[in-house]
Amino acid sequence: MKIMVVGGGGREHAIIKKIKENKNVEKIYALPGNGGMADDAECVNIGAKDIDAIVSFALENKIDFAVVAPDDPLVLGAVDALNEKGIPAFGPKASAAAIEGSKVFSKNLMKKYSIPTAQYEVFEDARSALEYIESVKLPTVIKADGLALGKGVIIATTREEAKNAIISMMEDKVFGNSGSRVVIEEFLTGPEVSVLAFTDGKTLVPMVSSMDHKRAHDNDEGLNTGGMGTVAPNPCYTPAHAERAMKEIFIPTMNAMNAEGRTFKGCLYFGLMITPDGPKVIEYNCRFGDPETQVVLPLLESDLLEIMMAVADERLADVEVKFSDKHACCVIMASEGYPTSYEKGFEISVDDDFGAELFVAGAKLENGKLLTSGGRVLGVTAIGDTLYDAIQKSYENVDKVHFGNAFFRKDIGLRALKAER
């Protein structure tokens, strides 16, 4: 089989490595991929948002199955375009990808179908939003409606911060048109949990839970990033929480999308908060999370490609989805200065006795050398019998990866260890 994976980050690298385990796979193409994936897939210089070029490539190369991993091409209709040409693909169509593509749509969906979430108001002009801010309880959460590379959410602790967030989103257009509408919602408290789920619109199978670390620096300080590390499973997410989330959130969301004529087929990501009133939805994503994928997929014992094809064919109920009962930890190694400005072009080297999984996100091959080319450069993932073992092993292997300007958090998993105790 010839497989095409759209995307070029650490998440896509994790997906490609897992798909490679299927013995029927003869060739994997990554569009565009990155230099660190070259041993696992053939990288093709086509951008993830270039839908026409992606479809043309799939037809010319007789692709048997496509996986569209990032949010942008999903929201832009990559799966619709591939399906129209008879190419089966994993991922939701554009109408279903709106669950991430528009915060307003997703909040209104939850309200309509009584899915637990924070109370909110939607604003289409800055003046009304600024007036509303005068009366809200602090802290408050301000979200840009559209996609913003995971950075369109501001938790404002003062009215001044809240006003600045509204002005930057709605008037200064820091996120482009994504900020033309904003959602202002109540600040929920409790531990956060990420749960990815396979669904074909008829069956929903949650994957192992995980805990993300969004802030750039230790002790959850610094700016929000795309994620500086993850552990799985998340000890804050008990079997009781899982049962309740399945009944009150997961299945109702799948059914709500069906009722709206937007059947969701792919990976549906639930960003949850375990509040004193039980699990509530903070956000939905229409795809595998990054870097959650880098801890969840290494724990998957079943055949990923088989599951993905079953989702596309609406026969998820017929395949086994089994996860290991071990633990995983991923530490992201980034470029100093991320998520704002940083230098690139440093050579990456890995010691011979490296003993973990390496998922490359921001790197390019130049004259046979692997050089840094992004903010988040790579993720080091280790598996252990206990959470402590996984964390320790991950950091031992971080010390075996070298590049100039490297920085990483030293406390990935510490919060989870405390919760476990």
Protein backbone atom coordinates (compact mmCIF):
# COMPACT_ATOMS: atom_id res chain seq x y z
CA MET A 1 0.00 0.00 0.00
CA LYS A 2 1.06 3.57 -0.71
CA ILE A 3 0.23 5.96 2.13
CA MET A 4 0.30 9.76 2.15
CA VAL A 5 0.49 11.75 5.41
CA VAL A 6 -0.23 15.48 5.19
CA GLY A 7 1.72 17.60 7.70
CA GLY A 8 5.27 18.17 8.78
CA GLY A 9 5.64 18.13 12.58
CA GLY A 10 6.34 15.79 15.47
CA ARG A 11 2.74 14.59 15.50
CA GLU A 12 3.03 13.52 11.85
CA HIS A 13 6.34 11.78 12.58
CA ALA A 14 4.65 9.79 15.37
CA ILE A 15 1.77 8.86 13.03
CA ILE A 16 4.18 7.79 10.27
CA LYS A 17 6.27 5.62 12.62
CA LYS A 18 3.12 3.87 13.83
CA ILE A 19 1.72 3.35 10.31
CA LYS A 20 5.08 1.86 9.27
CA GLU A 21 4.41 -1.08 11.60
CA ASN A 22 1.71 -2.34 9.19
CA LYS A 23 3.33 -5.02 7.01
CA ASN A 24 1.22 -4.09 3.95
CA VAL A 25 2.74 -0.59 3.76
CA GLU A 26 5.31 -0.38 0.98
CA LYS A 27 5.73 3.39 0.78
CA ILE A 28 4.88 6.45 2.91
CA TYR A 29 5.00 10.00 1.58
CA ALA A 30 5.02 13.01 3.94
CA LEU A 31 3.69 16.33 2.56
CA PRO A 32 5.76 18.35 3.33
CA GLY A 33 7.34 16.33 6.18
CA ASN A 34 10.69 17.52 7.54
CA GLY A 35 14.36 16.53 7.40
CA GLY A 36 14.13 14.41 10.54
CA MET A 37 11.49 12.13 9.00
CA ALA A 38 13.56 11.21 5.95
CA ASP A 39 14.37 7.70 7.27
CA ASP A 40 10.68 6.92 7.78
CA ALA A 41 8.99 8.56 4.79
CA GLU A 42 9.73 10.27 1.50
CA CYS A 43 9.28 13.99 2.06
CA VAL A 44 7.56 15.90 -0.76
CA ASN A 45 7.77 19.70 -0.87
CA ILE A 46 4.03 20.39 -0.96
CA GLY A 47 2.57 22.59 1.77
CA ALA A 48 -0.15 21.17 4.02
CA LYS A 49 -2.59 23.93 2.91
CA ASP A 50 -2.02 23.44 -0.85
CA ILE A 51 -5.13 21.28 -1.34
CA ASP A 52 -4.99 21.18 -5.16
CA ALA A 53 -1.34 20.06 -5.17
CA ILE A 54 -2.05 17.44 -2.47
CA VAL A 55 -4.90 15.93 -4.52
CA SER A 56 -2.84 16.01 -7.75
CA PHE A 57 0.06 14.25 -6.00
CA ALA A 58 -2.26 11.58 -4.59
CA LEU A 59 -3.70 10.87 -8.04
CA GLU A 60 -0.34 10.87 -9.85
CA ASN A 61 1.24 8.55 -7.29
CA LYS A 62 -1.78 6.23 -6.97
CA ILE A 63 -2.09 6.77 -3.20
CA ASP A 64 -4.16 4.03 -1.55
CA PHE A 65 -4.92 5.91 1.66
CA ALA A 66 -4.31 9.44 2.95
CA VAL A 67 -4.03 10.80 6.49
CA VAL A 68 -4.66 14.53 6.91
CA ALA A 69 -3.19 15.43 10.29
CA PRO A 70 -3.12 19.25 10.83
CA ASP A 71 -6.12 21.48 11.51
CA ASP A 72 -5.68 23.96 8.63
CA PRO A 73 -6.06 21.52 5.70
CA LEU A 74 -8.96 19.77 7.47
CA VAL A 75 -10.83 23.06 7.93
CA LEU A 76 -10.01 23.97 4.30
CA GLY A 77 -11.60 20.73 3.05
CA ALA A 78 -8.63 18.48 2.19
CA VAL A 79 -10.57 15.30 3.01
CA ASP A 80 -13.56 16.46 0.93
CA ALA A 81 -11.26 17.12 -2.04
CA LEU A 82 -9.49 13.74 -1.73
CA ASN A 83 -12.76 11.83 -1.35
CA GLU A 84 -14.21 13.58 -4.42
CA LYS A 85 -11.38 12.04 -6.45
CA GLY A 86 -11.97 8.59 -4.93
CA ILE A 87 -9.04 8.65 -2.48
CA PRO A 88 -10.00 7.32 0.98
CA ALA A 89 -8.71 9.51 3.79
CA PHE A 90 -8.57 9.68 7.59
CA GLY A 91 -9.86 12.95 9.00
CA PRO A 92 -13.12 14.90 9.17
CA LYS A 93 -14.63 16.77 6.24
CA ALA A 94 -14.67 20.58 6.41
CA SER A 95 -18.22 20.74 7.80
CA ALA A 96 -17.19 18.58 10.77
CA ALA A 97 -13.75 20.21 11.19
CA ALA A 98 -15.67 23.40 12.09
CA ILE A 99 -15.78 21.97 15.62
CA GLU A 100 -12.21 23.31 15.90
CA GLY A 101 -12.29 25.85 13.09
CA SER A 102 -14.85 28.00 14.91
CA LYS A 103 -14.96 28.42 18.69
CA VAL A 104 -18.36 30.09 18.25
CA PHE A 105 -19.72 27.04 16.43
CA SER A 106 -18.40 24.62 19.07
CA LYS A 107 -19.67 26.67 22.03
CA ASN A 108 -23.11 27.03 20.44
CA LEU A 109 -23.14 23.27 19.73
CA MET A 110 -22.43 22.51 23.40
CA LYS A 111 -25.13 24.92 24.56
CA LYS A 112 -27.72 23.47 22.14
CA TYR A 113 -27.04 19.85 23.14
CA SER A 114 -26.40 20.43 26.88
CA ILE A 115 -22.76 19.31 26.79
CA PRO A 116 -20.98 20.58 29.97
CA THR A 117 -18.75 23.60 29.27
CA ALA A 118 -17.94 27.06 30.64
CA GLN A 119 -20.61 29.79 30.41
CA TYR A 120 -19.81 32.22 27.59
CA GLU A 121 -20.81 35.16 25.41
CA VAL A 122 -19.91 35.79 21.74
CA PHE A 123 -18.89 39.23 20.42
CA GLU A 124 -18.53 40.47 16.85
CA ASP A 125 -17.33 44.00 17.62
CA ALA A 126 -14.66 45.21 20.02
CA ARG A 127 -16.77 47.94 21.65
CA SER A 128 -19.42 45.49 22.94
CA ALA A 129 -16.73 43.10 24.14
CA LEU A 130 -14.90 45.89 25.99
CA GLU A 131 -18.16 47.00 27.65
CA TYR A 132 -18.92 43.42 28.73
CA ILE A 133 -15.44 43.05 30.27
CA GLU A 134 -16.30 45.75 32.82
CA SER A 135 -18.79 43.42 34.50
CA VAL A 136 -17.23 39.93 34.23
CA LYS A 137 -15.79 37.94 37.11
CA LEU A 138 -11.99 37.66 36.96
CA PRO A 139 -10.00 35.80 35.83
CA THR A 140 -11.78 35.44 32.48
CA VAL A 141 -10.93 33.60 29.26
CA ILE A 142 -10.85 35.29 25.85
CA LYS A 143 -10.70 33.12 22.72
CA ALA A 144 -10.28 34.03 19.07
CA ASP A 145 -13.03 32.33 17.05
CA GLY A 146 -10.80 30.75 14.39
CA LEU A 147 -7.55 28.81 14.19
CA ALA A 148 -4.54 30.54 15.75
CA LEU A 149 -1.80 27.88 15.98
CA GLY A 150 -2.98 26.96 19.49
CA LYS A 151 -2.20 30.49 20.72
CA GLY A 152 -5.61 32.19 20.37
CA VAL A 153 -6.60 31.80 24.02
CA ILE A 154 -5.80 34.41 26.68
CA ILE A 155 -6.49 33.93 30.40
CA ALA A 156 -6.84 37.48 31.70
CA THR A 157 -6.38 38.05 35.44
CA THR A 158 -7.05 41.81 35.28
CA ARG A 159 -9.52 43.96 33.30
CA GLU A 160 -6.54 45.67 31.66
CA GLU A 161 -5.21 42.32 30.37
CA ALA A 162 -8.68 41.38 29.15
CA LYS A 163 -9.09 44.67 27.27
CA ASN A 164 -5.63 44.35 25.70
CA ALA A 165 -6.47 40.82 24.55
CA ILE A 166 -9.71 42.00 22.91
CA ILE A 167 -7.99 44.93 21.18
CA SER A 168 -5.10 42.79 19.93
CA MET A 169 -7.48 40.11 18.57
CA MET A 170 -10.31 42.25 17.19
CA GLU A 171 -8.63 45.53 16.21
CA ASP A 172 -4.91 44.78 15.77
CA LYS A 173 -5.78 41.42 14.08
CA VAL A 174 -2.81 39.56 15.63
CA PHE A 175 -4.51 36.30 14.54
CA GLY A 176 -5.84 37.72 11.26
CA ASN A 177 -9.51 36.99 10.57
CA SER A 178 -9.52 34.36 13.34
CA GLY A 179 -10.04 37.21 15.80
CA SER A 180 -12.92 38.92 14.00
CA ARG A 181 -15.24 37.24 16.53
CA VAL A 182 -14.29 36.42 20.11
CA VAL A 183 -15.71 34.19 22.81
CA ILE A 184 -15.47 35.46 26.39
CA GLU A 185 -16.06 32.69 28.88
CA GLU A 186 -15.95 31.93 32.58
CA PHE A 187 -12.66 30.69 34.02
CA LEU A 188 -12.98 27.07 35.12
CA THR A 189 -10.73 25.51 37.77
CA GLY A 190 -9.36 22.00 38.10
CA PRO A 191 -6.80 19.76 36.42
CA GLU A 192 -6.77 19.68 32.61
CA VAL A 193 -6.97 16.42 30.68
CA SER A 194 -6.55 15.71 26.97
CA VAL A 195 -8.50 12.77 25.56
CA LEU A 196 -8.18 11.86 21.88
CA ALA A 197 -10.84 9.58 20.45
CA PHE A 198 -11.29 7.59 17.25
CA THR A 199 -14.80 7.97 15.86
CA ASP A 200 -16.55 7.05 12.62
CA GLY A 201 -19.80 8.80 13.56
CA LYS A 202 -21.36 5.58 14.84
CA THR A 203 -18.78 4.30 17.33
CA LEU A 204 -16.43 6.32 19.55
CA VAL A 205 -13.33 4.81 21.16
CA PRO A 206 -11.32 7.04 23.53
CA MET A 207 -7.55 6.66 23.53
CA VAL A 208 -5.40 6.76 26.64
CA SER A 209 -5.63 10.15 28.42
CA SER A 210 -2.71 12.59 28.60
CA MET A 211 -1.50 15.75 30.36
CA ASP A 212 -0.05 18.60 28.28
CA HIS A 213 2.35 21.31 29.49
CA LYS A 214 1.54 24.48 27.52
CA ARG A 215 3.71 27.12 29.17
CA ALA A 216 7.22 27.73 27.88
CA HIS A 217 9.04 27.53 31.22
CA ASP A 218 9.19 25.45 34.40
CA ASN A 219 6.44 25.79 37.05
CA ASP A 220 3.98 26.62 34.25
CA GLU A 221 5.47 30.08 33.76
CA GLY A 222 6.07 32.03 30.56
CA LEU A 223 4.07 32.29 27.36
CA ASN A 224 1.65 29.71 26.02
CA THR A 225 3.23 27.43 23.41
CA GLY A 226 2.07 24.61 21.17
CA GLY A 227 3.07 22.30 24.04
CA MET A 228 6.40 21.66 25.78
CA GLY A 229 5.78 18.05 26.79
CA THR A 230 3.22 15.45 27.75
CA VAL A 231 2.68 12.37 29.88
CA ALA A 232 0.17 9.54 29.52
CA PRO A 233 -2.02 8.37 31.09
CA ASN A 234 -3.14 11.41 33.07
CA PRO A 235 -3.46 10.41 36.77
CA CYS A 236 -6.09 13.14 37.35
CA TYR A 237 -8.48 11.30 35.01
CA THR A 238 -10.03 8.52 37.07
CA PRO A 239 -12.21 5.65 35.75
CA ALA A 240 -15.20 7.51 37.26
CA HIS A 241 -14.31 10.67 35.30
CA ALA A 242 -13.85 8.59 32.15
CA GLU A 243 -17.26 6.97 32.56
CA ARG A 244 -18.93 10.32 33.13
CA ALA A 245 -17.13 11.98 30.20
CA MET A 246 -18.17 9.16 27.90
CA LYS A 247 -21.82 9.51 28.92
CA GLU A 248 -22.08 13.31 29.23
CA ILE A 249 -19.53 14.57 26.66
CA PHE A 250 -18.07 12.10 24.15
CA ILE A 251 -21.17 10.26 22.91
CA PRO A 252 -23.37 13.40 23.08
CA THR A 253 -20.79 15.28 20.94
CA MET A 254 -20.73 12.51 18.32
CA ASN A 255 -24.55 12.45 18.29
CA ALA A 256 -24.77 16.27 18.17
CA MET A 257 -22.52 16.40 15.09
CA ASN A 258 -24.68 13.75 13.42
CA ALA A 259 -27.84 15.71 14.26
CA GLU A 260 -26.29 18.83 12.70
CA GLY A 261 -25.57 16.92 9.48
CA ARG A 262 -21.82 17.20 10.18
CA THR A 263 -20.88 13.58 10.92
CA PHE A 264 -17.37 13.54 12.39
CA LYS A 265 -15.02 10.80 11.15
CA GLY A 266 -11.42 10.91 12.34
CA CYS A 267 -9.67 11.80 15.58
CA LEU A 268 -11.78 14.01 17.84
CA TYR A 269 -9.75 15.71 20.58
CA PHE A 270 -11.46 16.62 23.85
CA GLY A 271 -9.70 19.21 26.00
CA LEU A 272 -11.34 18.69 29.39
CA MET A 273 -11.17 20.27 32.81
CA ILE A 274 -12.06 18.21 35.85
CA THR A 275 -14.07 20.84 37.74
CA PRO A 276 -15.73 20.38 41.16
CA ASP A 277 -18.93 19.72 39.13
CA GLY A 278 -17.28 17.02 37.00
CA PRO A 279 -15.60 17.03 33.56
CA LYS A 280 -16.33 20.00 31.29
CA VAL A 281 -15.14 20.78 27.75
CA ILE A 282 -12.55 23.55 27.42
CA GLU A 283 -12.00 22.96 23.71
CA TYR A 284 -12.42 20.53 20.85
CA ASN A 285 -9.81 19.83 18.19
CA CYS A 286 -10.60 18.11 14.91
CA ARG A 287 -7.34 16.11 14.86
CA PHE A 288 -4.59 14.44 16.86
CA GLY A 289 -3.06 16.82 19.41
CA ASP A 290 0.60 17.79 19.34
CA PRO A 291 2.50 16.72 21.46
CA GLU A 292 -0.20 14.43 22.93
CA THR A 293 0.12 12.12 19.91
CA GLN A 294 3.78 11.56 20.78
CA VAL A 295 2.80 9.81 24.05
CA VAL A 296 -0.55 8.29 23.06
CA LEU A 297 0.46 6.46 19.86
CA PRO A 298 3.57 4.78 21.34
CA LEU A 299 1.18 3.15 23.85
CA LEU A 300 -1.16 1.89 21.10
CA GLU A 301 -0.78 -1.88 20.70
CA SER A 302 -3.27 -2.23 17.82
CA ASP A 303 -2.61 -1.49 14.14
CA LEU A 304 -3.05 2.27 13.58
CA LEU A 305 -3.54 2.05 9.82
CA GLU A 306 -6.18 -0.66 10.26
CA ILE A 307 -8.04 1.58 12.75
CA MET A 308 -7.81 4.61 10.45
CA MET A 309 -9.12 2.68 7.46
CA ALA A 310 -11.97 1.31 9.60
CA VAL A 311 -12.87 4.89 10.64
CA ALA A 312 -12.96 5.99 6.99
CA ASP A 313 -15.20 3.00 6.12
CA GLU A 314 -17.47 3.50 9.17
CA ARG A 315 -16.62 0.08 10.62
CA LEU A 316 -14.70 1.12 13.73
CA ALA A 317 -16.82 -1.26 15.82
CA ASP A 318 -15.23 -4.19 13.95
CA VAL A 319 -11.57 -3.51 14.85
CA GLU A 320 -9.62 -3.85 18.07
CA VAL A 321 -8.28 -0.67 19.69
CA LYS A 322 -5.95 -1.72 22.50
CA PHE A 323 -3.52 0.34 24.57
CA SER A 324 -0.62 -0.76 26.77
CA ASP A 325 -1.00 -0.25 30.53
CA LYS A 326 2.48 1.32 30.66
CA HIS A 327 3.29 5.03 30.94
CA ALA A 328 4.83 7.46 28.44
CA CYS A 329 6.59 10.81 28.75
CA CYS A 330 7.53 13.20 25.95
CA VAL A 331 9.89 16.13 26.54
CA ILE A 332 9.96 18.74 23.79
CA MET A 333 13.37 20.21 22.95
CA ALA A 334 12.88 23.69 21.52
CA SER A 335 14.96 26.61 20.24
CA GLU A 336 15.84 29.18 22.92
CA GLY A 337 13.44 32.11 22.52
CA TYR A 338 10.43 30.04 21.38
CA PRO A 339 7.50 30.88 21.12
CA THR A 340 8.61 34.40 20.07
CA SER A 341 11.90 34.79 18.16
CA TYR A 342 14.74 32.28 17.93
CA GLU A 343 17.80 31.41 15.85
CA LYS A 344 17.78 28.45 13.46
CA GLY A 345 20.35 26.41 11.55
CA PHE A 346 22.11 24.58 14.41
CA GLU A 347 23.28 21.03 13.69
CA ILE A 348 21.45 18.26 15.59
CA SER A 349 23.39 15.23 16.79
CA VAL A 350 22.24 12.16 18.74
CA ASP A 351 24.50 9.90 20.84
CA ASP A 352 24.89 6.28 19.72
CA ASP A 353 23.40 4.94 22.96
CA PHE A 354 20.14 6.94 22.57
CA GLY A 355 17.39 4.66 23.85
CA ALA A 356 14.01 6.34 23.32
CA GLU A 357 11.69 7.44 20.50
CA LEU A 358 12.73 10.61 18.65
CA PHE A 359 9.94 12.54 16.93
CA VAL A 360 11.27 15.41 14.81
CA ALA A 361 9.23 18.58 14.29
CA GLY A 362 11.40 21.53 13.23
CA ALA A 363 14.44 20.31 11.31
CA LYS A 364 15.78 20.29 7.75
CA LEU A 365 18.40 18.23 5.93
CA GLU A 366 21.20 20.23 4.35
CA ASN A 367 24.30 18.61 2.81
CA GLY A 368 23.62 15.45 4.80
CA LYS A 369 23.35 17.32 8.10
CA LEU A 370 20.19 17.70 10.19
CA LEU A 371 19.73 21.37 11.18
CA THR A 372 17.18 23.10 13.40
CA SER A 373 14.50 24.97 11.43
CA GLY A 374 11.69 25.64 13.91
CA GLY A 375 10.67 26.62 17.43
CA ARG A 376 9.79 23.16 18.66
CA VAL A 377 12.62 21.08 17.24
CA LEU A 378 11.91 17.54 18.45
CA GLY A 379 10.32 15.39 21.12
CA VAL A 380 11.98 12.65 23.15
CA THR A 381 9.46 9.99 24.20
CA ALA A 382 10.16 7.16 26.62
CA ILE A 383 7.95 4.33 27.88
CA GLY A 384 8.14 2.99 31.44
CA ASP A 385 6.33 0.58 33.74
CA THR A 386 5.57 3.55 36.01
CA LEU A 387 5.15 7.26 35.36
CA TYR A 388 8.36 7.95 37.29
CA ASP A 389 10.29 5.46 35.11
CA ALA A 390 8.98 7.02 31.90
CA ILE A 391 9.90 10.55 33.01
CA GLN A 392 13.37 9.53 34.18
CA LYS A 393 14.10 7.62 30.98
CA SER A 394 12.89 10.50 28.84
CA TYR A 395 15.22 13.00 30.54
CA GLU A 396 18.16 10.57 30.41
CA ASN A 397 17.73 10.49 26.64
CA VAL A 398 17.19 14.25 26.30
CA ASP A 399 20.79 14.53 27.54
CA LYS A 400 21.87 12.44 24.52
CA VAL A 401 20.47 14.89 21.95
CA HIS A 402 22.54 17.97 21.14
CA PHE A 403 22.06 21.21 19.20
CA GLY A 404 23.00 24.85 19.76
CA ASN A 405 20.38 27.03 21.41
CA ALA A 406 18.47 24.03 22.81
CA PHE A 407 16.09 24.53 25.71
CA PHE A 408 13.48 22.35 27.40
CA ARG A 409 11.40 22.29 30.55
CA LYS A 410 12.92 20.33 33.44
CA ASP A 411 9.58 19.59 35.12
CA ILE A 412 7.52 17.66 32.55
CA GLY A 413 5.40 15.13 34.46
CA LEU A 414 6.10 16.61 37.91
CA ARG A 415 2.49 17.76 38.29
CA ALA A 416 1.31 14.29 37.27
CA LEU A 417 3.61 12.61 39.82
CA LYS A 418 2.17 14.82 42.58
CA ALA A 419 -1.39 13.99 41.46
CA GLU A 420 -0.51 10.28 41.42
CA ARG A 421 0.68 10.46 45.03
